């Protein structure tokens, strides 16, 4: 089972890093598989600690995928010297058990050191799932054909139109702008206006 999360790590110098990542649930912890090169991989290899943050704010995932800078408040985790997201619903503090190297995606086996809840989960929202799926599409624009992206975005738009709140609408607009910008840059055209 893969959970879509935000992983926070720090460098040896203490510089925080925030990245969206699927965390595969394994006995006693998680398996992380960042692509090389990766600051998350470097930080986990150097410090042997990290935090898996569980959030329902899809703007954080969207912003990370797009490299968009938005204010993200962090604080030191409860038991390890690593930042955690203040707005997370919950977090798991992890320690690296072992790393299996791979030319493209190393496998980082992590043990859960501490788990903690912070905010109440207010239920499912189809628009959140749609934005998350759109973020995955946007992260793969360089390898997916336009017609596949268009078909999937059109389908996801239905859930956004029916169930989105202001946060999901903002993140959805970012996804639409990213698709338009990617195509304009690729095709050498000025970016199209987003309706």
N, C-alpha and C. Protein backbone atom coordinates (compact mmCIF):
# COMPACT_ATOMS: atom_id res chain seq x y z
N UNK A 1 0.84 -1.17 0.00
CA UNK A 1 0.00 0.00 0.00
C UNK A 1 0.89 1.24 0.00
N UNK A 2 0.60 2.15 -0.92
CA UNK A 2 1.38 3.39 -1.03
C UNK A 2 0.54 4.56 -0.52
N UNK A 3 1.11 5.34 0.37
CA UNK A 3 0.47 6.55 0.89
C UNK A 3 1.14 7.75 0.26
N UNK A 4 0.35 8.70 -0.25
CA UNK A 4 0.90 9.94 -0.79
C UNK A 4 1.17 10.88 0.37
N UNK A 5 2.42 11.27 0.53
CA UNK A 5 2.83 12.02 1.70
C UNK A 5 3.72 13.19 1.31
N UNK A 6 4.06 13.97 2.31
CA UNK A 6 5.11 14.97 2.20
C UNK A 6 6.23 14.52 3.13
N UNK A 7 7.42 14.32 2.56
CA UNK A 7 8.57 13.89 3.37
C UNK A 7 9.43 15.11 3.66
N UNK A 8 9.70 15.32 4.93
CA UNK A 8 10.60 16.40 5.32
C UNK A 8 11.90 15.79 5.83
N UNK A 9 13.00 16.39 5.37
CA UNK A 9 14.33 15.96 5.79
C UNK A 9 15.14 17.21 6.05
N UNK A 10 16.38 17.00 6.50
CA UNK A 10 17.29 18.13 6.67
C UNK A 10 18.68 17.68 6.26
N UNK A 11 19.46 18.65 5.83
CA UNK A 11 20.86 18.39 5.51
C UNK A 11 21.66 18.34 6.80
N UNK A 12 22.93 17.96 6.70
CA UNK A 12 23.80 17.98 7.88
C UNK A 12 23.91 19.38 8.46
N UNK A 13 23.83 20.39 7.58
CA UNK A 13 23.91 21.78 8.03
C UNK A 13 22.60 22.28 8.62
N UNK A 14 21.53 21.47 8.55
CA UNK A 14 20.25 21.85 9.14
C UNK A 14 19.27 22.46 8.17
N UNK A 15 19.60 22.54 6.87
CA UNK A 15 18.70 23.11 5.88
C UNK A 15 17.56 22.14 5.61
N UNK A 16 16.32 22.61 5.77
CA UNK A 16 15.17 21.73 5.58
C UNK A 16 14.90 21.48 4.10
N UNK A 17 14.29 20.34 3.83
CA UNK A 17 13.86 20.01 2.47
C UNK A 17 12.49 19.35 2.57
N UNK A 18 11.59 19.76 1.68
CA UNK A 18 10.21 19.29 1.68
C UNK A 18 9.92 18.70 0.30
N UNK A 19 9.44 17.45 0.25
CA UNK A 19 9.20 16.80 -1.03
C UNK A 19 7.98 15.88 -0.96
N UNK A 20 7.16 15.90 -2.02
CA UNK A 20 6.06 14.93 -2.07
C UNK A 20 6.63 13.56 -2.43
N UNK A 21 6.08 12.52 -1.83
CA UNK A 21 6.62 11.20 -2.13
C UNK A 21 5.62 10.13 -1.72
N UNK A 22 5.49 9.12 -2.57
CA UNK A 22 4.72 7.95 -2.19
C UNK A 22 5.54 7.13 -1.21
N UNK A 23 4.95 6.80 -0.07
CA UNK A 23 5.62 5.99 0.95
C UNK A 23 4.91 4.65 1.01
N UNK A 24 5.63 3.60 0.66
CA UNK A 24 5.06 2.25 0.70
C UNK A 24 5.10 1.74 2.13
N UNK A 25 3.93 1.35 2.63
CA UNK A 25 3.84 0.83 4.00
C UNK A 25 4.43 -0.57 4.03
N UNK A 26 5.42 -0.78 4.92
CA UNK A 26 6.01 -2.10 5.14
C UNK A 26 5.95 -2.38 6.64
N UNK A 27 6.22 -3.61 7.03
CA UNK A 27 6.17 -3.96 8.44
C UNK A 27 7.16 -3.10 9.23
N UNK A 28 6.64 -2.38 10.19
CA UNK A 28 7.48 -1.56 11.07
C UNK A 28 7.88 -0.21 10.52
N UNK A 29 7.42 0.13 9.31
CA UNK A 29 7.81 1.42 8.76
C UNK A 29 7.42 1.63 7.32
N UNK A 30 8.37 2.17 6.53
CA UNK A 30 8.07 2.57 5.16
C UNK A 30 9.24 2.28 4.24
N UNK A 31 8.92 2.11 2.97
CA UNK A 31 9.91 2.04 1.90
C UNK A 31 9.75 3.29 1.06
N UNK A 32 10.84 4.05 0.91
CA UNK A 32 10.86 5.24 0.07
C UNK A 32 11.75 4.96 -1.13
N UNK A 33 11.34 5.45 -2.31
CA UNK A 33 12.11 5.22 -3.52
C UNK A 33 12.23 6.50 -4.35
N UNK A 34 13.02 7.46 -3.88
CA UNK A 34 13.19 8.70 -4.64
C UNK A 34 14.04 8.45 -5.90
N UNK A 35 13.74 9.21 -6.95
CA UNK A 35 14.56 9.15 -8.16
C UNK A 35 15.87 9.87 -7.91
N UNK A 36 16.94 9.41 -8.55
CA UNK A 36 18.22 10.12 -8.52
C UNK A 36 18.23 11.19 -9.60
N UNK A 37 18.85 12.33 -9.39
CA UNK A 37 19.37 12.82 -8.12
C UNK A 37 18.23 13.31 -7.24
N UNK A 38 18.43 13.32 -5.94
CA UNK A 38 17.37 13.69 -5.01
C UNK A 38 17.97 14.23 -3.72
N UNK A 39 17.51 15.41 -3.32
CA UNK A 39 17.96 15.96 -2.03
C UNK A 39 17.43 15.12 -0.89
N UNK A 40 16.22 14.56 -1.07
CA UNK A 40 15.66 13.69 -0.03
C UNK A 40 16.58 12.49 0.18
N UNK A 41 17.00 11.88 -0.92
CA UNK A 41 17.91 10.74 -0.84
C UNK A 41 19.22 11.14 -0.15
N UNK A 42 19.80 12.25 -0.59
CA UNK A 42 21.06 12.72 0.01
C UNK A 42 20.91 12.97 1.51
N UNK A 43 19.82 13.65 1.88
CA UNK A 43 19.61 13.98 3.30
C UNK A 43 19.40 12.72 4.14
N UNK A 44 18.59 11.78 3.64
CA UNK A 44 18.35 10.55 4.40
C UNK A 44 19.64 9.73 4.54
N UNK A 45 20.44 9.72 3.48
CA UNK A 45 21.71 8.99 3.55
C UNK A 45 22.66 9.65 4.54
N UNK A 46 22.67 10.99 4.58
CA UNK A 46 23.59 11.73 5.46
C UNK A 46 23.17 11.73 6.93
N UNK A 47 21.87 11.96 7.18
CA UNK A 47 21.42 12.13 8.57
C UNK A 47 20.75 10.89 9.15
N UNK A 48 20.25 10.01 8.28
CA UNK A 48 19.58 8.76 8.70
C UNK A 48 18.24 9.00 9.39
N UNK A 49 17.65 10.21 9.23
CA UNK A 49 16.36 10.52 9.84
C UNK A 49 15.50 11.31 8.86
N UNK A 50 14.18 11.26 9.08
CA UNK A 50 13.25 12.04 8.29
C UNK A 50 11.88 11.99 8.93
N UNK A 51 10.94 12.71 8.33
CA UNK A 51 9.56 12.72 8.82
C UNK A 51 8.63 12.51 7.64
N UNK A 52 7.69 11.61 7.81
CA UNK A 52 6.64 11.40 6.82
C UNK A 52 5.41 12.13 7.36
N UNK A 53 4.96 13.15 6.60
CA UNK A 53 3.84 13.99 7.00
C UNK A 53 2.60 13.60 6.21
N UNK A 54 1.49 13.43 6.91
CA UNK A 54 0.22 13.10 6.28
C UNK A 54 -0.65 14.36 6.28
N UNK A 55 -1.00 14.82 5.08
CA UNK A 55 -1.76 16.05 4.96
C UNK A 55 -2.89 15.88 3.97
N UNK A 56 -3.94 16.64 4.15
CA UNK A 56 -5.02 16.66 3.15
C UNK A 56 -5.03 17.99 2.40
N UNK A 57 -3.99 18.80 2.57
CA UNK A 57 -3.86 20.06 1.83
C UNK A 57 -3.12 19.77 0.52
N UNK A 58 -3.88 19.59 -0.55
CA UNK A 58 -3.26 19.22 -1.83
C UNK A 58 -2.44 20.35 -2.43
N UNK A 59 -2.60 21.57 -1.92
CA UNK A 59 -1.76 22.67 -2.41
C UNK A 59 -0.29 22.39 -2.11
N UNK A 60 0.01 21.76 -0.99
CA UNK A 60 1.40 21.45 -0.65
C UNK A 60 2.01 20.49 -1.65
N UNK A 61 1.26 19.44 -1.99
CA UNK A 61 1.76 18.48 -2.97
C UNK A 61 1.90 19.15 -4.34
N UNK A 62 0.88 19.90 -4.73
CA UNK A 62 0.92 20.59 -6.02
C UNK A 62 2.08 21.57 -6.09
N UNK A 63 2.28 22.34 -5.04
CA UNK A 63 3.36 23.33 -5.03
C UNK A 63 4.73 22.65 -5.12
N UNK A 64 4.89 21.55 -4.40
CA UNK A 64 6.17 20.82 -4.46
C UNK A 64 6.44 20.29 -5.86
N UNK A 65 5.43 19.70 -6.49
CA UNK A 65 5.60 19.15 -7.83
C UNK A 65 5.98 20.25 -8.82
N UNK A 66 5.38 21.43 -8.66
CA UNK A 66 5.60 22.54 -9.59
C UNK A 66 6.81 23.39 -9.23
N UNK A 67 7.42 23.15 -8.07
CA UNK A 67 8.52 24.00 -7.64
C UNK A 67 8.04 25.39 -7.26
N UNK A 68 6.76 25.49 -6.91
CA UNK A 68 6.14 26.77 -6.53
C UNK A 68 6.43 27.03 -5.06
N UNK A 69 6.89 28.21 -4.76
CA UNK A 69 7.20 28.55 -3.38
C UNK A 69 5.95 29.13 -2.70
N UNK A 70 5.46 28.39 -1.73
CA UNK A 70 4.36 28.88 -0.90
C UNK A 70 4.81 28.78 0.55
N UNK A 71 4.23 29.59 1.42
CA UNK A 71 4.64 29.52 2.83
C UNK A 71 4.30 28.15 3.43
N UNK A 72 5.29 27.50 4.00
CA UNK A 72 5.10 26.21 4.66
C UNK A 72 5.75 26.29 6.03
N UNK A 73 4.94 26.20 7.06
CA UNK A 73 5.46 26.30 8.41
C UNK A 73 5.90 24.91 8.90
N UNK A 74 7.10 24.86 9.44
CA UNK A 74 7.60 23.62 10.02
C UNK A 74 8.08 23.89 11.45
N UNK A 75 8.21 22.81 12.19
CA UNK A 75 8.79 22.88 13.53
C UNK A 75 9.54 21.59 13.76
N UNK A 76 10.40 21.57 14.76
CA UNK A 76 11.17 20.37 15.07
C UNK A 76 10.22 19.25 15.45
N UNK A 77 10.49 18.07 14.94
CA UNK A 77 9.70 16.89 15.31
C UNK A 77 9.85 16.61 16.80
N UNK A 78 9.00 15.77 17.32
CA UNK A 78 8.97 15.53 18.77
C UNK A 78 10.22 14.84 19.32
N UNK A 79 10.76 13.85 18.59
CA UNK A 79 11.84 13.05 19.14
C UNK A 79 13.12 13.02 18.30
N UNK A 80 13.04 13.40 17.04
CA UNK A 80 14.25 13.41 16.22
C UNK A 80 14.52 14.84 15.75
N UNK A 81 15.77 15.13 15.41
CA UNK A 81 16.16 16.48 15.02
C UNK A 81 15.91 16.68 13.53
N UNK A 82 14.63 16.80 13.20
CA UNK A 82 14.20 16.95 11.80
C UNK A 82 12.91 17.76 11.79
N UNK A 83 12.69 18.58 10.76
CA UNK A 83 11.44 19.35 10.74
C UNK A 83 10.24 18.49 10.39
N UNK A 84 9.08 18.92 10.86
CA UNK A 84 7.80 18.33 10.46
C UNK A 84 6.86 19.47 10.07
N UNK A 85 5.85 19.16 9.28
CA UNK A 85 4.87 20.18 8.87
C UNK A 85 3.94 20.50 10.03
N UNK A 86 3.80 21.77 10.34
CA UNK A 86 2.90 22.19 11.41
C UNK A 86 1.45 21.86 11.04
N UNK A 87 1.09 22.02 9.78
CA UNK A 87 -0.30 21.81 9.36
C UNK A 87 -0.65 20.37 9.04
N UNK A 88 0.26 19.42 9.23
CA UNK A 88 -0.02 18.02 8.92
C UNK A 88 -1.10 17.47 9.85
N UNK A 89 -1.90 16.55 9.32
CA UNK A 89 -2.88 15.87 10.16
C UNK A 89 -2.17 14.98 11.18
N UNK A 90 -1.09 14.34 10.73
CA UNK A 90 -0.27 13.51 11.61
C UNK A 90 1.11 13.38 10.98
N UNK A 91 2.02 12.81 11.74
CA UNK A 91 3.36 12.57 11.18
C UNK A 91 3.98 11.33 11.81
N UNK A 92 4.87 10.70 11.05
CA UNK A 92 5.68 9.59 11.55
C UNK A 92 7.14 9.99 11.45
N UNK A 93 7.84 9.90 12.56
CA UNK A 93 9.27 10.16 12.58
C UNK A 93 9.97 8.85 12.24
N UNK A 94 10.89 8.89 11.27
CA UNK A 94 11.50 7.66 10.77
C UNK A 94 13.02 7.70 10.90
N UNK A 95 13.59 6.52 10.98
CA UNK A 95 15.04 6.35 10.94
C UNK A 95 15.35 5.40 9.79
N UNK A 96 16.46 5.63 9.12
CA UNK A 96 16.85 4.78 8.00
C UNK A 96 17.44 3.49 8.54
N UNK A 97 16.88 2.39 8.09
CA UNK A 97 17.39 1.07 8.46
C UNK A 97 18.48 0.63 7.50
N UNK A 98 18.20 0.78 6.19
CA UNK A 98 19.20 0.45 5.17
C UNK A 98 18.79 1.07 3.85
N UNK A 99 19.78 1.23 2.97
CA UNK A 99 19.55 1.76 1.63
C UNK A 99 20.11 0.76 0.63
N UNK A 100 19.26 0.34 -0.31
CA UNK A 100 19.69 -0.52 -1.40
C UNK A 100 19.87 0.36 -2.63
N UNK A 101 21.10 0.52 -3.08
CA UNK A 101 21.38 1.42 -4.19
C UNK A 101 20.80 0.88 -5.50
N UNK A 102 20.48 1.79 -6.39
CA UNK A 102 19.96 1.48 -7.72
C UNK A 102 20.31 2.67 -8.60
N UNK A 103 20.63 2.44 -9.88
CA UNK A 103 21.02 3.55 -10.74
C UNK A 103 19.95 4.64 -10.90
N UNK A 104 18.68 4.24 -10.78
CA UNK A 104 17.60 5.21 -10.99
C UNK A 104 16.82 5.52 -9.70
N UNK A 105 16.40 4.47 -8.97
CA UNK A 105 15.56 4.65 -7.78
C UNK A 105 16.04 3.77 -6.64
N UNK A 106 16.93 4.28 -5.80
CA UNK A 106 17.35 3.50 -4.63
C UNK A 106 16.16 3.20 -3.72
N UNK A 107 16.27 2.14 -2.98
CA UNK A 107 15.23 1.72 -2.04
C UNK A 107 15.71 2.04 -0.63
N UNK A 108 14.97 2.90 0.06
CA UNK A 108 15.33 3.32 1.42
C UNK A 108 14.33 2.68 2.38
N UNK A 109 14.81 1.75 3.18
CA UNK A 109 13.97 1.08 4.16
C UNK A 109 14.05 1.84 5.47
N UNK A 110 12.90 2.28 5.97
CA UNK A 110 12.85 3.12 7.16
C UNK A 110 11.98 2.49 8.24
N UNK A 111 12.39 2.68 9.48
CA UNK A 111 11.62 2.22 10.62
C UNK A 111 10.89 3.41 11.22
N UNK A 112 9.66 3.18 11.67
CA UNK A 112 8.92 4.23 12.36
C UNK A 112 9.41 4.30 13.80
N UNK A 113 9.91 5.48 14.17
CA UNK A 113 10.43 5.71 15.52
C UNK A 113 9.33 6.25 16.43
N UNK A 114 8.48 7.12 15.85
CA UNK A 114 7.41 7.75 16.63
C UNK A 114 6.31 8.21 15.69
N UNK A 115 5.05 8.04 16.10
CA UNK A 115 3.88 8.51 15.35
C UNK A 115 3.08 9.45 16.22
N UNK A 116 2.52 10.49 15.59
CA UNK A 116 1.77 11.48 16.36
C UNK A 116 0.67 12.11 15.51
N UNK A 117 -0.52 12.30 16.11
CA UNK A 117 -1.63 12.97 15.44
C UNK A 117 -1.73 14.41 15.89
N UNK A 118 -2.23 15.28 14.99
CA UNK A 118 -2.30 16.71 15.31
C UNK A 118 -3.67 17.34 15.04
N UNK A 119 -4.26 17.02 13.89
CA UNK A 119 -5.50 17.67 13.49
C UNK A 119 -6.53 16.61 13.09
N UNK A 120 -7.78 16.95 13.24
CA UNK A 120 -8.87 16.05 12.89
C UNK A 120 -9.00 15.93 11.38
N UNK A 121 -9.18 14.71 10.88
CA UNK A 121 -9.45 14.48 9.46
C UNK A 121 -10.94 14.72 9.23
N UNK A 122 -11.28 15.62 8.31
CA UNK A 122 -12.67 16.02 8.11
C UNK A 122 -13.38 15.27 6.99
N UNK A 123 -12.79 14.23 6.47
CA UNK A 123 -13.48 13.40 5.49
C UNK A 123 -12.89 13.51 4.10
N UNK A 124 -13.41 12.68 3.22
CA UNK A 124 -12.92 12.57 1.85
C UNK A 124 -13.47 13.72 1.00
N UNK A 125 -12.72 14.05 -0.03
CA UNK A 125 -13.13 15.07 -0.99
C UNK A 125 -12.57 14.62 -2.34
N UNK A 126 -13.44 14.38 -3.32
CA UNK A 126 -13.00 13.88 -4.62
C UNK A 126 -12.07 14.87 -5.32
N UNK A 127 -12.24 16.16 -5.08
CA UNK A 127 -11.38 17.15 -5.72
C UNK A 127 -9.94 17.02 -5.24
N UNK A 128 -9.75 16.68 -3.97
CA UNK A 128 -8.39 16.48 -3.46
C UNK A 128 -7.70 15.36 -4.22
N UNK A 129 -8.42 14.25 -4.41
CA UNK A 129 -7.87 13.12 -5.16
C UNK A 129 -7.59 13.52 -6.60
N UNK A 130 -8.46 14.33 -7.19
CA UNK A 130 -8.28 14.76 -8.58
C UNK A 130 -7.03 15.63 -8.72
N UNK A 131 -6.81 16.54 -7.78
CA UNK A 131 -5.61 17.38 -7.84
C UNK A 131 -4.36 16.53 -7.65
N UNK A 132 -4.43 15.57 -6.75
CA UNK A 132 -3.29 14.67 -6.55
C UNK A 132 -2.97 13.92 -7.84
N UNK A 133 -3.97 13.38 -8.51
CA UNK A 133 -3.75 12.67 -9.78
C UNK A 133 -3.22 13.63 -10.85
N UNK A 134 -3.73 14.86 -10.87
CA UNK A 134 -3.24 15.84 -11.83
C UNK A 134 -1.76 16.16 -11.56
N UNK A 135 -1.38 16.22 -10.30
CA UNK A 135 0.03 16.48 -9.96
C UNK A 135 0.93 15.36 -10.48
N UNK A 136 0.45 14.12 -10.40
CA UNK A 136 1.22 12.99 -10.94
C UNK A 136 1.35 13.16 -12.46
N UNK A 137 0.25 13.52 -13.13
CA UNK A 137 0.31 13.75 -14.58
C UNK A 137 1.31 14.85 -14.92
N UNK A 138 1.24 15.96 -14.20
CA UNK A 138 2.13 17.09 -14.47
C UNK A 138 3.59 16.71 -14.26
N UNK A 139 3.85 15.87 -13.27
CA UNK A 139 5.23 15.46 -13.04
C UNK A 139 5.75 14.56 -14.16
N UNK A 140 4.85 14.09 -15.02
CA UNK A 140 5.24 13.19 -16.11
C UNK A 140 4.93 13.75 -17.50
N UNK A 141 4.71 15.05 -17.58
CA UNK A 141 4.37 15.67 -18.87
C UNK A 141 5.42 15.39 -19.94
N UNK A 142 6.66 15.28 -19.54
CA UNK A 142 7.74 15.06 -20.50
C UNK A 142 7.72 13.66 -21.11
N UNK A 143 6.94 12.74 -20.55
CA UNK A 143 6.90 11.39 -21.10
C UNK A 143 5.51 10.93 -21.55
N UNK A 144 4.48 11.70 -21.23
CA UNK A 144 3.11 11.30 -21.60
C UNK A 144 2.65 12.02 -22.86
N UNK A 145 1.89 11.32 -23.72
CA UNK A 145 1.34 11.98 -24.91
C UNK A 145 0.24 12.98 -24.52
N UNK A 146 0.14 14.05 -25.29
CA UNK A 146 -0.84 15.11 -25.01
C UNK A 146 -2.27 14.58 -24.91
N UNK A 147 -2.65 13.66 -25.80
CA UNK A 147 -4.04 13.18 -25.79
C UNK A 147 -4.36 12.43 -24.50
N UNK A 148 -3.42 11.70 -23.95
CA UNK A 148 -3.64 11.01 -22.67
C UNK A 148 -3.81 12.02 -21.54
N UNK A 149 -2.94 13.03 -21.51
CA UNK A 149 -3.03 14.07 -20.48
C UNK A 149 -4.36 14.80 -20.60
N UNK A 150 -4.76 15.17 -21.82
CA UNK A 150 -6.03 15.89 -22.02
C UNK A 150 -7.22 15.07 -21.56
N UNK A 151 -7.24 13.79 -21.90
CA UNK A 151 -8.37 12.92 -21.53
C UNK A 151 -8.45 12.77 -20.01
N UNK A 152 -7.31 12.56 -19.37
CA UNK A 152 -7.32 12.38 -17.92
C UNK A 152 -7.66 13.68 -17.20
N UNK A 153 -7.13 14.81 -17.68
CA UNK A 153 -7.45 16.09 -17.05
C UNK A 153 -8.93 16.42 -17.20
N UNK A 154 -9.51 16.11 -18.34
CA UNK A 154 -10.95 16.35 -18.55
C UNK A 154 -11.78 15.53 -17.57
N UNK A 155 -11.38 14.28 -17.37
CA UNK A 155 -12.11 13.43 -16.43
C UNK A 155 -11.94 13.95 -15.00
N UNK A 156 -10.75 14.32 -14.62
CA UNK A 156 -10.50 14.81 -13.27
C UNK A 156 -11.22 16.13 -13.01
N UNK A 157 -11.40 16.93 -14.05
CA UNK A 157 -12.09 18.23 -13.91
C UNK A 157 -13.51 18.06 -13.39
N UNK A 158 -14.14 16.94 -13.71
CA UNK A 158 -15.52 16.69 -13.25
C UNK A 158 -15.57 16.70 -11.72
N UNK A 159 -14.65 15.98 -11.08
CA UNK A 159 -14.61 15.93 -9.62
C UNK A 159 -14.29 17.30 -9.03
N UNK A 160 -13.39 18.03 -9.69
CA UNK A 160 -13.03 19.36 -9.19
C UNK A 160 -14.24 20.29 -9.26
N UNK A 161 -14.93 20.28 -10.40
CA UNK A 161 -16.10 21.15 -10.56
C UNK A 161 -17.20 20.84 -9.56
N UNK A 162 -17.36 19.58 -9.21
CA UNK A 162 -18.46 19.18 -8.32
C UNK A 162 -18.14 19.32 -6.84
N UNK A 163 -16.85 19.17 -6.45
CA UNK A 163 -16.57 19.04 -5.01
C UNK A 163 -15.49 19.95 -4.46
N UNK A 164 -14.83 20.74 -5.28
CA UNK A 164 -13.68 21.52 -4.81
C UNK A 164 -14.07 22.69 -3.92
N UNK A 165 -13.22 22.91 -2.93
CA UNK A 165 -13.26 24.13 -2.13
C UNK A 165 -12.19 25.07 -2.66
N UNK A 166 -11.98 26.21 -2.01
CA UNK A 166 -11.00 27.20 -2.49
C UNK A 166 -9.58 26.65 -2.63
N UNK A 167 -9.14 25.81 -1.68
CA UNK A 167 -7.78 25.28 -1.75
C UNK A 167 -7.60 24.36 -2.96
N UNK A 168 -8.57 23.49 -3.20
CA UNK A 168 -8.49 22.58 -4.34
C UNK A 168 -8.57 23.34 -5.65
N UNK A 169 -9.42 24.37 -5.71
CA UNK A 169 -9.53 25.18 -6.93
C UNK A 169 -8.22 25.89 -7.24
N UNK A 170 -7.56 26.41 -6.21
CA UNK A 170 -6.27 27.08 -6.41
C UNK A 170 -5.24 26.09 -6.96
N UNK A 171 -5.15 24.92 -6.33
CA UNK A 171 -4.18 23.91 -6.78
C UNK A 171 -4.52 23.40 -8.18
N UNK A 172 -5.79 23.27 -8.50
CA UNK A 172 -6.20 22.82 -9.85
C UNK A 172 -5.77 23.84 -10.90
N UNK A 173 -5.93 25.12 -10.60
CA UNK A 173 -5.48 26.16 -11.53
C UNK A 173 -3.98 26.06 -11.77
N UNK A 174 -3.23 25.77 -10.72
CA UNK A 174 -1.78 25.59 -10.88
C UNK A 174 -1.49 24.45 -11.85
N UNK A 175 -2.27 23.37 -11.74
CA UNK A 175 -2.06 22.21 -12.63
C UNK A 175 -2.36 22.58 -14.09
N UNK A 176 -3.46 23.29 -14.30
CA UNK A 176 -3.82 23.71 -15.66
C UNK A 176 -2.74 24.63 -16.24
N UNK A 177 -2.25 25.57 -15.43
CA UNK A 177 -1.20 26.47 -15.89
C UNK A 177 0.08 25.71 -16.22
N UNK A 178 0.39 24.69 -15.44
CA UNK A 178 1.60 23.90 -15.68
C UNK A 178 1.52 23.16 -17.01
N UNK A 179 0.36 22.59 -17.32
CA UNK A 179 0.19 21.88 -18.60
C UNK A 179 0.34 22.87 -19.75
N UNK A 180 -0.32 24.02 -19.63
CA UNK A 180 -0.24 25.04 -20.68
C UNK A 180 1.19 25.55 -20.86
N UNK A 181 1.86 25.82 -19.75
CA UNK A 181 3.23 26.33 -19.81
C UNK A 181 4.18 25.30 -20.41
N UNK A 182 4.02 24.03 -20.03
CA UNK A 182 4.86 22.97 -20.58
C UNK A 182 4.72 22.90 -22.10
N UNK A 183 3.49 22.94 -22.56
CA UNK A 183 3.26 22.83 -24.01
C UNK A 183 3.76 24.06 -24.75
N UNK A 184 3.56 25.23 -24.16
CA UNK A 184 4.03 26.46 -24.81
C UNK A 184 5.55 26.48 -24.92
N UNK A 185 6.21 26.09 -23.84
CA UNK A 185 7.67 26.06 -23.84
C UNK A 185 8.18 25.02 -24.83
N UNK A 186 7.55 23.85 -24.81
CA UNK A 186 7.97 22.76 -25.71
C UNK A 186 7.77 23.15 -27.18
N UNK A 187 6.64 23.83 -27.46
CA UNK A 187 6.30 24.16 -28.83
C UNK A 187 6.80 25.54 -29.27
N UNK A 188 7.45 26.28 -28.35
CA UNK A 188 7.98 27.60 -28.68
C UNK A 188 6.91 28.65 -28.86
N UNK A 189 5.77 28.50 -28.18
CA UNK A 189 4.66 29.45 -28.30
C UNK A 189 4.51 30.24 -27.00
N UNK A 190 3.88 31.43 -27.09
CA UNK A 190 3.60 32.14 -25.84
C UNK A 190 2.56 31.35 -25.04
N UNK A 191 2.65 31.35 -23.70
CA UNK A 191 1.70 30.59 -22.88
C UNK A 191 0.26 31.01 -23.16
N UNK A 192 -0.62 30.01 -23.24
CA UNK A 192 -2.04 30.28 -23.46
C UNK A 192 -2.66 30.77 -22.17
N UNK A 193 -3.64 31.64 -22.28
CA UNK A 193 -4.34 32.14 -21.11
C UNK A 193 -5.19 31.02 -20.53
N UNK A 194 -5.23 30.91 -19.22
CA UNK A 194 -6.06 29.92 -18.55
C UNK A 194 -7.43 30.55 -18.31
N UNK A 195 -8.51 29.85 -18.71
CA UNK A 195 -9.85 30.45 -18.52
C UNK A 195 -10.19 30.62 -17.05
